[in-house]
Amino acid sequence: MSGTNVELVRLGIDATNRRDLATLEAMWTEDGEFRSTFAASEGRVFRGRQRFRDFFDALDEVFDDIRLEVGEITDVDEDRLIAVLRTSGRGKGSGVNVEQRNWTVWTFVDSKIARIDSYMNRTEALEAVGLSEQDAHADS
């Protein structure tokens, strides 16, 4: 597993939690895109220079407070990995605590994030990269 790519995941999630647009822009390819299954932005594709502002706006419509945490990371190949992200927050208006896990496939180009595809479960994420549960366990 590329230590550089794992570090980019961790730094990217940290920058997202801080809403550090300058750091996020520097970490991504110019034409990178993010396909979301996160609550409040499910099914949306965020791309181009406006992607982070649009993503944050979508979250702000539903949450008063939100935090992302990186869980298990599974190596796919030199340029891809799967990272489990835990999203937790408080619903806007209701105050109800919400938690969601997503399996995200990260694709890297020239040590930058080029794409993130988000899935609701591990099986979908593995299938997206051409692996099965058995393949994933064989690499563990």
Foldseek 3Di string as FASTA:
>chain_A
DDPLVVVLVVVLQVCLLVVVLVVQCVQADQFAKEADCDPQQHRDIATGSCRSVVVVVSCVVWFPHKHKDWDDKFDLDPFKIKIKIKMWGATPPVRDIDIAIWIWIFGDDPSHTRYIYIHRDDQVVQVVSPHHPVRRVVVD
